[in-house]
Every structure is written in C-alpha cells, then in structure tokens.
Amino acid sequence: MGLQERKAIENFQQNEYKKLKKSLDETAGFSLTIDIDWDSIAKEGYPENYANDFSKLYFLPLLEALKAICCDELGKKALQNNLENIIVCNHSETYGRSAISFTNRVLKIDHRLTNVDYVEERTEAIKEVLGNALTGDKEPPKIRDLVQKMPARPIRDILCELQYLKNRLQNQSDGNVVSVTFTFSHGGCVTGKVIEIKTDSKPGLVLLAVESNYQRHDLIYFSTDSIQMIRIHNVDEFLPSFSSGKVDPLHMKPSPGKLTIERNLLTVSDSLQEALGKKLTFSIDWESFNTDSFLQMGSISELLENFEASVKSKTDDKDFITEFNKKFGSVHISGTSEKAISYEDNCLQIKYPGEGKKYERLSQQDIIDGINAVL
C-alpha cells in the first residue's frame, strides 16, 4: 500500500469514521467494539474513493441496520448481551448477503470492493442476520420435511377430514377451497372442489363441483364405497388437517424468539389499553419454557394472540370489563403440563402446556371461560 492510500485511510479515520463510530455507539446504546482490517478493505490505486466507499460498503448499512434493531430498550439490551465484536474486512472476496455472518457473538462484514451503492441491500442483510440472531426467530420447517411426518390413513378418515376442512374454510373469508382427485375402483377418476361429504350414511356420499367449459359447472354425486384413491391438490397449507397431529399448525409459520415475544407483550398491552381503559402488565416465567423449542415459542405467541382477541371480543360487555379491571392489574404466563387460568394477588395466572397439541392449548373460548370463572 502506497503513501497516498495510507494518508487517505488516516484521513477517513480521523474524520468520517469518528462521526460514524459516534453514531453507531449512540444507536446501540453502548460503545461497540469494531475491529477493522484497513489493509484488506483499501483497494490500491483509488484513495480518493475511500471515504465514499468505506462508508457505503460497511458503516452506513451497519448504522441503518442498528437503527432498526435498537428501536427500543429491549433491542438495545439484546444487542449488548449478545454482540461482543464487529469485524470489518475483505478476506474472502465475497459480497451481498453472503458477506454477512454472525457466529459466536461476532458480527462479520467480509465484503469486497463492489456494488458500493447497494447500501439498502447490505442493510437488509445485516438486519436479517443480526436481527434473527438477537430475536431467536426461527423459520418454519420445509414442507418436504413436514411431508415426511405424514401418516398413512384409511380413505374414510381422509373423507372426514376433507369435510371438516371444507366446513372450516367455508367460515373464513379468504375464499380457500379444497380441490381433490378421486380415483375409482373401476379405474376412472374425477377432479373437482369438495361441496359436501357424508360419511354418516350408508353408503357414504360425495358431492363434487367440476368447472367445465364456458365457466359452467358440473355437479358429480358418487358413493364413498367406490373410491380407491384420493389425491388432495395444493395440500401444503392443509398438512396439519391430514396429519393426525404429526404436523402442528404452528409448524406452518415462523416461530418468534424471546425478544420478539417480549416486544409483542408490550404491543398487546398497548392494544388492550384502548379496550380496557387501563394498562395491563404482562410477564412470562421464561425458566418454565424451553426458549429453543420451535413449538413452545410459537405456542406462547399463539396464546398472546388468543388472549388479545378474547378480551377485545368482550369490549361491548360493560360488566365484564368493569369486573376485569377491578380484579386484574397484571397477567403472568408460565409453562405447565396442563392448561389452567387462576387468580392471585391482582394477577391473572395463565398456566400453559407449551408442547401440547393444539387441542391441549388455550383457545379463545378457553380464555373467556377461564376469566369468567375467576371473576
């Protein structure tokens, strides 16, 4: 490295970097340890570009990512507890998302001198990598892995599940329908949308709607006894319905980590303040839950959603709201083998089986019934 390059690095260190480091520390809420391999990031022959390139490649994306992550005291605390060091270098000639990593409490930005103006792309990459490490959020399993859990089941059982699923989807407003192909013992087959299935009659009956040419529909009636095989189309989102409990509905969406749930506690508290006219304090006994468990953390998030919806559903019941406010000032959630709702010292105690199957967890109606029982 020549004299001009060294002077340019020194000038950046004394000017732009000082300002950037101050902003980074203020955003994080503490003094960050940043190790920079200046020799590796400085491209020989272009010292006039160092101030622009260093800022855009490394420090501005880091600053913007930290602003998003440290948007509250919970984020700042999580960062301080989990980040020991930041390494800035160009050792591997990588770029983009592959240049960002977080291992053993160290954030590494190992980016070569390219795509300088792609600041937003690097910002999103740092937010994703560092943010996921701090929150503990987990992506859902791959559908192909969930399919491997599916059990073989009798056709009659699948028909019952199809009718139950069809009824459930009918009560939703998203317009989802179940499309299936039935193959018969004589070798023929038919594909359509389930209208009705009756398995409680002899023989069982199926009504299928088939869209034909010119946007017209055919209705096909046939006996369940004639069905040899069932093919359920686009089944990905419906896997839990046919899995006999092997696939939980929580497997179908991301599982939040501890930081995300703690933020959700504040969000739910603020949301319910409008409905109740007072602020509830939420707390969780984290030692009673396995924070590394995908299902347990997902079930806590589900519980919060159900609790918020349950209380809001009673906002028109003035007697309920009045008694609720008299009795409860806080809500405490702990993990147990069986679900239960009780009252102690102005606190609504919710005991929750985090690893329980969906029918073992607290539904919205369970929560309403539990609250009414202690009011």
Protein backbone atom coordinates (compact mmCIF):
# COMPACT_ATOMS: atom_id res chain seq x y z
CA MET A 1 0.00 0.00 0.00
CA GLY A 2 1.40 3.36 -1.06
CA LEU A 3 1.71 6.64 0.82
CA GLN A 4 -1.43 8.15 -0.77
CA GLU A 5 -3.55 5.19 0.31
CA ARG A 6 -2.27 5.37 3.88
CA LYS A 7 -2.97 9.11 4.04
CA ALA A 8 -6.48 8.54 2.69
CA ILE A 9 -7.15 5.87 5.34
CA GLU A 10 -5.81 8.10 8.10
CA ASN A 11 -7.94 10.98 6.86
CA PHE A 12 -11.05 8.75 6.88
CA GLN A 13 -10.22 7.50 10.38
CA GLN A 14 -9.86 11.00 11.76
CA ASN A 15 -12.94 12.45 10.08
CA GLU A 16 -15.80 10.34 8.64
CA TYR A 17 -15.12 7.26 10.75
CA LYS A 18 -15.10 9.20 14.02
CA LYS A 19 -18.54 10.59 13.23
CA LEU A 20 -19.82 7.21 12.10
CA LYS A 21 -18.48 5.44 15.20
CA LYS A 22 -20.15 8.02 17.44
CA SER A 23 -23.48 7.48 15.65
CA LEU A 24 -23.11 3.70 15.87
CA ASP A 25 -22.43 3.83 19.62
CA GLU A 26 -25.32 6.21 20.26
CA THR A 27 -27.68 3.99 18.27
CA ALA A 28 -26.57 0.82 20.06
CA GLY A 29 -26.65 2.44 23.48
CA PHE A 30 -23.10 1.36 24.34
CA SER A 31 -19.57 1.53 22.94
CA LEU A 32 -19.22 -1.04 20.17
CA THR A 33 -16.01 -2.96 19.64
CA ILE A 34 -15.18 -2.79 15.94
CA ASP A 35 -12.05 -4.41 14.50
CA ILE A 36 -11.23 -3.15 11.02
CA ASP A 37 -8.62 -4.69 8.74
CA TRP A 38 -7.84 -1.49 6.88
CA ASP A 39 -5.24 -3.10 4.62
CA SER A 40 -7.77 -5.61 3.28
CA ILE A 41 -10.61 -3.16 2.57
CA ALA A 42 -8.44 -0.48 0.93
CA LYS A 43 -8.10 -1.04 -2.79
CA GLU A 44 -4.75 0.22 -4.00
CA GLY A 45 -4.86 2.95 -6.59
CA TYR A 46 -8.19 4.58 -5.61
CA PRO A 47 -7.51 6.56 -2.42
CA GLU A 48 -9.84 9.37 -3.49
CA ASN A 49 -12.79 6.96 -3.21
CA TYR A 50 -12.09 5.61 0.27
CA ALA A 51 -14.36 7.98 2.21
CA ASN A 52 -17.33 7.21 -0.04
CA ASP A 53 -16.67 3.50 -0.49
CA PHE A 54 -15.87 2.61 3.13
CA SER A 55 -18.94 4.46 4.37
CA LYS A 56 -21.36 2.93 1.88
CA LEU A 57 -19.88 -0.57 1.91
CA TYR A 58 -19.62 -1.11 5.64
CA PHE A 59 -20.63 1.58 8.07
CA LEU A 60 -23.82 3.15 6.70
CA PRO A 61 -25.52 -0.26 6.21
CA LEU A 62 -24.45 -1.21 9.74
CA LEU A 63 -25.80 2.05 11.15
CA GLU A 64 -29.18 1.71 9.40
CA ALA A 65 -29.50 -1.92 10.50
CA LEU A 66 -28.77 -1.00 14.12
CA LYS A 67 -31.39 1.75 14.00
CA ALA A 68 -33.99 -0.89 13.14
CA ILE A 69 -32.72 -3.45 15.67
CA CYS A 70 -32.23 -0.96 18.52
CA CYS A 71 -35.58 0.76 18.07
CA ASP A 72 -36.40 0.17 21.75
CA GLU A 73 -34.67 -0.64 25.03
CA LEU A 74 -35.36 -4.36 24.55
CA GLY A 75 -33.41 -4.31 21.29
CA LYS A 76 -30.51 -2.38 22.80
CA LYS A 77 -30.35 -4.76 25.74
CA ALA A 78 -30.40 -7.82 23.46
CA LEU A 79 -27.62 -6.34 21.33
CA GLN A 80 -25.42 -5.60 24.35
CA ASN A 81 -25.98 -9.09 25.76
CA ASN A 82 -25.26 -10.93 22.53
CA LEU A 83 -22.78 -8.88 20.47
CA GLU A 84 -19.15 -8.84 21.56
CA ASN A 85 -17.37 -7.71 18.43
CA ILE A 86 -17.81 -6.47 14.87
CA ILE A 87 -15.20 -7.38 12.26
CA VAL A 88 -14.92 -5.36 9.06
CA CYS A 89 -12.66 -6.80 6.39
CA ASN A 90 -12.26 -8.17 2.86
CA HIS A 91 -10.70 -11.58 3.33
CA SER A 92 -12.90 -13.79 1.18
CA GLU A 93 -13.82 -11.56 -1.78
CA THR A 94 -17.49 -12.18 -1.01
CA TYR A 95 -20.30 -9.65 -1.48
CA GLY A 96 -24.00 -9.14 -0.82
CA ARG A 97 -25.84 -11.40 1.64
CA SER A 98 -23.04 -13.99 1.69
CA ALA A 99 -20.62 -11.39 3.06
CA ILE A 100 -22.55 -11.02 6.33
CA SER A 101 -22.31 -13.58 9.13
CA PHE A 102 -22.87 -13.85 12.89
CA THR A 103 -21.04 -16.56 14.83
CA ASN A 104 -20.04 -16.85 18.47
CA ARG A 105 -21.34 -13.35 19.27
CA VAL A 106 -19.27 -11.80 16.46
CA LEU A 107 -20.80 -9.95 13.51
CA LYS A 108 -18.54 -10.17 10.46
CA ILE A 109 -18.84 -7.96 7.39
CA ASP A 110 -16.42 -9.54 4.92
CA HIS A 111 -17.24 -7.59 1.75
CA ARG A 112 -15.13 -6.91 -1.29
CA LEU A 113 -14.99 -3.55 -3.04
CA THR A 114 -18.01 -3.93 -5.33
CA ASN A 115 -21.66 -2.85 -5.53
CA VAL A 116 -20.79 0.20 -3.45
CA ASP A 117 -24.16 1.89 -3.98
CA TYR A 118 -26.18 -1.18 -2.88
CA VAL A 119 -26.46 0.22 0.63
CA GLU A 120 -30.05 -0.90 1.17
CA GLU A 121 -29.27 -4.48 0.15
CA ARG A 122 -26.46 -4.73 2.71
CA THR A 123 -28.62 -3.02 5.33
CA GLU A 124 -31.33 -5.66 4.89
CA ALA A 125 -28.74 -8.44 5.03
CA ILE A 126 -27.30 -7.17 8.33
CA LYS A 127 -30.79 -6.68 9.76
CA GLU A 128 -31.71 -10.24 8.80
CA VAL A 129 -28.54 -11.92 10.06
CA LEU A 130 -28.02 -9.92 13.24
CA GLY A 131 -31.73 -9.42 13.91
CA ASN A 132 -32.52 -13.15 13.69
CA ALA A 133 -29.58 -13.94 15.97
CA LEU A 134 -30.81 -11.46 18.60
CA THR A 135 -34.52 -12.25 18.43
CA GLY A 136 -34.13 -16.00 18.15
CA ASP A 137 -36.86 -16.09 15.48
CA LYS A 138 -36.93 -19.37 13.56
CA GLU A 139 -38.18 -20.08 10.06
CA PRO A 140 -40.77 -22.87 9.72
CA PRO A 141 -39.65 -26.33 8.61
CA LYS A 142 -39.52 -27.06 4.89
CA ILE A 143 -42.76 -28.51 3.55
CA ARG A 144 -40.86 -31.50 2.19
CA ASP A 145 -39.66 -32.27 5.73
CA LEU A 146 -43.18 -31.98 7.12
CA VAL A 147 -44.48 -34.30 4.42
CA GLN A 148 -42.13 -36.97 5.75
CA LYS A 149 -44.07 -36.88 9.03
CA MET A 150 -47.41 -37.65 7.39
CA PRO A 151 -49.01 -40.99 8.36
CA ALA A 152 -50.87 -43.45 6.11
CA ARG A 153 -54.60 -43.27 6.88
CA PRO A 154 -57.83 -45.01 5.78
CA ILE A 155 -59.79 -43.33 2.99
CA ARG A 156 -62.81 -42.93 5.27
CA ASP A 157 -60.71 -40.90 7.76
CA ILE A 158 -59.44 -38.65 4.97
CA LEU A 159 -63.00 -38.08 3.77
CA CYS A 160 -63.99 -36.99 7.29
CA GLU A 161 -61.03 -34.61 7.42
CA LEU A 162 -61.94 -33.21 3.99
CA GLN A 163 -65.48 -32.42 5.12
CA TYR A 164 -64.25 -30.82 8.37
CA LEU A 165 -61.67 -28.74 6.46
CA LYS A 166 -64.26 -27.72 3.88
CA ASN A 167 -66.61 -26.50 6.65
CA ARG A 168 -63.80 -24.58 8.36
CA LEU A 169 -62.74 -22.88 5.13
CA GLN A 170 -66.36 -22.02 4.37
CA ASN A 171 -66.47 -19.94 7.55
CA GLN A 172 -63.39 -17.96 6.51
CA SER A 173 -63.41 -15.02 4.13
CA ASP A 174 -60.25 -15.81 2.14
CA GLY A 175 -62.10 -17.95 -0.39
CA ASN A 176 -59.91 -21.04 0.02
CA VAL A 177 -61.38 -24.30 -1.24
CA VAL A 178 -60.16 -27.89 -1.26
CA SER A 179 -59.51 -29.38 -4.69
CA VAL A 180 -59.21 -33.17 -4.95
CA THR A 181 -58.99 -36.01 -7.44
CA PHE A 182 -60.86 -39.23 -6.67
CA THR A 183 -59.81 -42.42 -8.42
CA PHE A 184 -62.40 -45.21 -8.50
CA SER A 185 -62.12 -48.97 -8.32
CA HIS A 186 -63.07 -49.31 -12.00
CA GLY A 187 -60.09 -47.11 -12.97
CA GLY A 188 -61.85 -43.83 -13.76
CA CYS A 189 -61.18 -40.57 -11.94
CA VAL A 190 -62.69 -37.13 -11.39
CA THR A 191 -61.19 -33.83 -10.19
CA GLY A 192 -63.12 -31.00 -8.57
CA LYS A 193 -63.88 -28.94 -5.49
CA VAL A 194 -65.50 -30.53 -2.46
CA ILE A 195 -69.08 -29.37 -1.88
CA GLU A 196 -70.23 -31.93 0.67
CA ILE A 197 -69.17 -35.30 2.06
CA LYS A 198 -71.45 -37.52 4.13
CA THR A 199 -69.72 -40.36 5.90
CA ASP A 200 -72.52 -40.98 8.40
CA SER A 201 -74.81 -42.53 5.80
CA LYS A 202 -74.77 -45.95 4.16
CA PRO A 203 -73.26 -45.76 1.67
CA GLY A 204 -71.30 -42.56 2.23
CA LEU A 205 -71.88 -39.84 -0.37
CA VAL A 206 -69.73 -37.17 -2.02
CA LEU A 207 -70.81 -34.08 -3.97
CA LEU A 208 -68.11 -32.52 -6.14
CA ALA A 209 -68.24 -29.34 -8.26
CA VAL A 210 -66.32 -29.50 -11.53
CA GLU A 211 -65.67 -26.40 -13.60
CA SER A 212 -66.28 -27.14 -17.26
CA ASN A 213 -66.03 -25.08 -20.43
CA TYR A 214 -67.58 -21.61 -20.75
CA GLN A 215 -67.36 -21.07 -16.95
CA ARG A 216 -70.17 -23.55 -16.32
CA HIS A 217 -70.11 -26.12 -13.53
CA ASP A 218 -70.98 -29.78 -13.29
CA LEU A 219 -72.11 -31.44 -10.07
CA ILE A 220 -70.96 -35.02 -9.60
CA TYR A 221 -72.51 -37.34 -7.00
CA PHE A 222 -70.96 -40.68 -6.09
CA SER A 223 -70.63 -43.21 -3.29
CA THR A 224 -67.62 -43.29 -0.97
CA ASP A 225 -67.53 -47.08 -1.40
CA SER A 226 -66.36 -46.66 -4.98
CA ILE A 227 -63.28 -44.57 -4.07
CA GLN A 228 -59.95 -46.35 -4.45
CA MET A 229 -57.59 -43.37 -4.07
CA ILE A 230 -57.71 -39.69 -3.05
CA ARG A 231 -55.33 -37.03 -4.27
CA ILE A 232 -55.51 -33.68 -2.43
CA HIS A 233 -54.18 -30.84 -4.57
CA ASN A 234 -52.04 -27.95 -3.28
CA VAL A 235 -52.06 -29.53 0.15
CA ASP A 236 -49.10 -27.59 1.63
CA GLU A 237 -51.10 -25.24 3.85
CA PHE A 238 -53.54 -28.02 4.81
CA LEU A 239 -50.99 -30.59 6.01
CA PRO A 240 -51.97 -30.33 9.71
CA SER A 241 -55.56 -31.30 8.83
CA PHE A 242 -54.47 -34.71 7.49
CA SER A 243 -51.52 -35.46 9.78
CA SER A 244 -53.27 -36.98 12.84
CA GLY A 245 -51.38 -34.48 14.98
CA LYS A 246 -47.97 -35.22 13.46
CA VAL A 247 -47.82 -31.73 11.94
CA ASP A 248 -48.90 -28.86 14.20
CA PRO A 249 -50.48 -25.72 12.68
CA LEU A 250 -47.63 -23.83 14.35
CA HIS A 251 -45.22 -25.63 12.01
CA MET A 252 -46.70 -23.65 9.13
CA LYS A 253 -45.39 -20.24 10.20
CA PRO A 254 -42.22 -18.73 11.73
CA SER A 255 -41.66 -19.20 15.45
CA PRO A 256 -40.78 -15.99 17.34
CA GLY A 257 -37.84 -15.78 19.71
CA LYS A 258 -37.70 -14.31 23.19
CA LEU A 259 -37.05 -10.72 22.09
CA THR A 260 -39.92 -10.78 19.59
CA ILE A 261 -42.32 -12.15 22.20
CA GLU A 262 -41.24 -9.56 24.78
CA ARG A 263 -41.94 -6.87 22.21
CA ASN A 264 -45.30 -8.49 21.50
CA LEU A 265 -46.13 -8.30 25.21
CA LEU A 266 -45.77 -4.52 25.05
CA THR A 267 -47.79 -4.36 21.83
CA VAL A 268 -50.64 -6.41 23.29
CA SER A 269 -50.58 -4.31 26.47
CA ASP A 270 -50.90 -1.10 24.45
CA SER A 271 -53.62 -2.61 22.26
CA LEU A 272 -55.70 -3.75 25.22
CA GLN A 273 -55.32 -0.40 26.96
CA GLU A 274 -57.68 1.05 24.38
CA ALA A 275 -60.24 -1.68 25.06
CA LEU A 276 -59.93 -1.76 28.85
CA GLY A 277 -59.14 1.85 29.62
CA LYS A 278 -56.16 0.72 31.72
CA LYS A 279 -52.76 -0.80 31.10
CA LEU A 280 -52.09 -4.45 31.89
CA THR A 281 -48.59 -5.60 32.82
CA PHE A 282 -47.55 -8.88 31.18
CA SER A 283 -44.79 -11.19 32.37
CA ILE A 284 -43.54 -14.65 31.41
CA ASP A 285 -41.73 -17.22 33.56
CA TRP A 286 -39.09 -18.00 30.94
CA GLU A 287 -37.48 -20.70 33.08
CA SER A 288 -40.64 -22.79 32.75
CA PHE A 289 -40.38 -22.77 28.94
CA ASN A 290 -37.74 -24.09 26.55
CA THR A 291 -36.85 -21.00 24.52
CA ASP A 292 -35.05 -23.19 21.97
CA SER A 293 -38.25 -25.11 21.21
CA PHE A 294 -39.91 -24.11 17.95
CA LEU A 295 -43.35 -25.23 19.15
CA GLN A 296 -43.14 -23.79 22.65
CA MET A 297 -42.22 -20.32 21.46
CA GLY A 298 -44.83 -20.49 18.72
CA SER A 299 -47.46 -21.54 21.26
CA ILE A 300 -46.67 -18.57 23.52
CA SER A 301 -47.17 -16.25 20.56
CA GLU A 302 -50.45 -18.04 19.76
CA LEU A 303 -51.55 -17.59 23.38
CA LEU A 304 -50.92 -13.84 23.23
CA GLU A 305 -52.93 -13.56 20.01
CA ASN A 306 -55.81 -15.54 21.53
CA PHE A 307 -55.73 -13.54 24.77
CA GLU A 308 -55.84 -10.20 22.95
CA ALA A 309 -58.67 -11.35 20.67
CA SER A 310 -60.61 -12.83 23.62
CA VAL A 311 -60.54 -9.68 25.73
CA LYS A 312 -61.33 -7.45 22.74
CA SER A 313 -64.34 -9.64 21.90
CA LYS A 314 -65.82 -8.64 25.27
CA THR A 315 -65.41 -4.87 24.97
CA ASP A 316 -69.17 -4.39 24.50
CA ASP A 317 -69.84 -6.28 27.73
CA LYS A 318 -69.55 -3.43 30.23
CA ASP A 319 -70.00 -5.69 33.25
CA PHE A 320 -67.18 -7.94 32.08
CA ILE A 321 -64.81 -5.00 31.50
CA THR A 322 -65.67 -3.42 34.86
CA GLU A 323 -65.07 -6.65 36.80
CA PHE A 324 -61.94 -7.41 34.79
CA ASN A 325 -60.43 -4.01 35.63
CA LYS A 326 -61.32 -4.36 39.30
CA LYS A 327 -59.66 -7.72 39.64
CA PHE A 328 -56.68 -7.80 37.27
CA GLY A 329 -53.71 -5.46 37.01
CA SER A 330 -51.29 -7.93 35.51
CA VAL A 331 -51.06 -11.20 33.60
CA HIS A 332 -48.42 -13.84 34.31
CA ILE A 333 -47.76 -16.76 31.94
CA SER A 334 -45.95 -19.91 32.99
CA GLY A 335 -45.41 -23.33 31.44
CA THR A 336 -47.03 -26.44 32.95
CA SER A 337 -48.25 -29.85 31.86
CA GLU A 338 -51.93 -28.81 31.88
CA LYS A 339 -53.70 -25.60 30.92
CA ALA A 340 -55.27 -23.55 33.71
CA ILE A 341 -56.38 -19.99 34.49
CA SER A 342 -56.43 -18.73 38.08
CA TYR A 343 -56.33 -15.52 40.12
CA GLU A 344 -53.81 -14.44 42.76
CA ASP A 345 -52.92 -11.02 44.21
CA ASN A 346 -54.49 -8.90 41.47
CA CYS A 347 -52.79 -11.08 38.85
CA LEU A 348 -54.37 -13.32 36.23
CA GLN A 349 -52.27 -16.50 36.24
CA ILE A 350 -52.19 -18.43 32.96
CA LYS A 351 -50.58 -21.87 33.04
CA TYR A 352 -49.87 -23.18 29.60
CA PRO A 353 -48.65 -26.52 28.14
CA GLY A 354 -46.24 -25.15 25.56
CA GLU A 355 -45.51 -28.54 23.97
CA GLY A 356 -49.17 -29.59 23.97
CA LYS A 357 -51.06 -30.38 20.81
CA LYS A 358 -53.43 -27.72 19.54
CA TYR A 359 -56.47 -29.15 21.36
CA GLU A 360 -54.46 -29.10 24.63
CA ARG A 361 -53.62 -25.40 24.32
CA LEU A 362 -55.81 -22.47 25.32
CA SER A 363 -58.28 -21.38 22.68
CA GLN A 364 -60.05 -18.03 22.70
CA GLN A 365 -63.11 -19.67 24.23
CA ASP A 366 -60.96 -21.38 26.89
CA ILE A 367 -59.58 -17.98 27.88
CA ILE A 368 -63.02 -16.36 28.09
CA ASP A 369 -64.36 -19.27 30.14
CA GLY A 370 -61.29 -19.20 32.42
CA ILE A 371 -61.57 -15.46 33.06
CA ASN A 372 -65.31 -15.69 33.72
CA ALA A 373 -64.68 -18.48 36.21
CA VAL A 374 -62.44 -16.29 38.37
CA LEU A 375 -64.37 -13.02 38.03
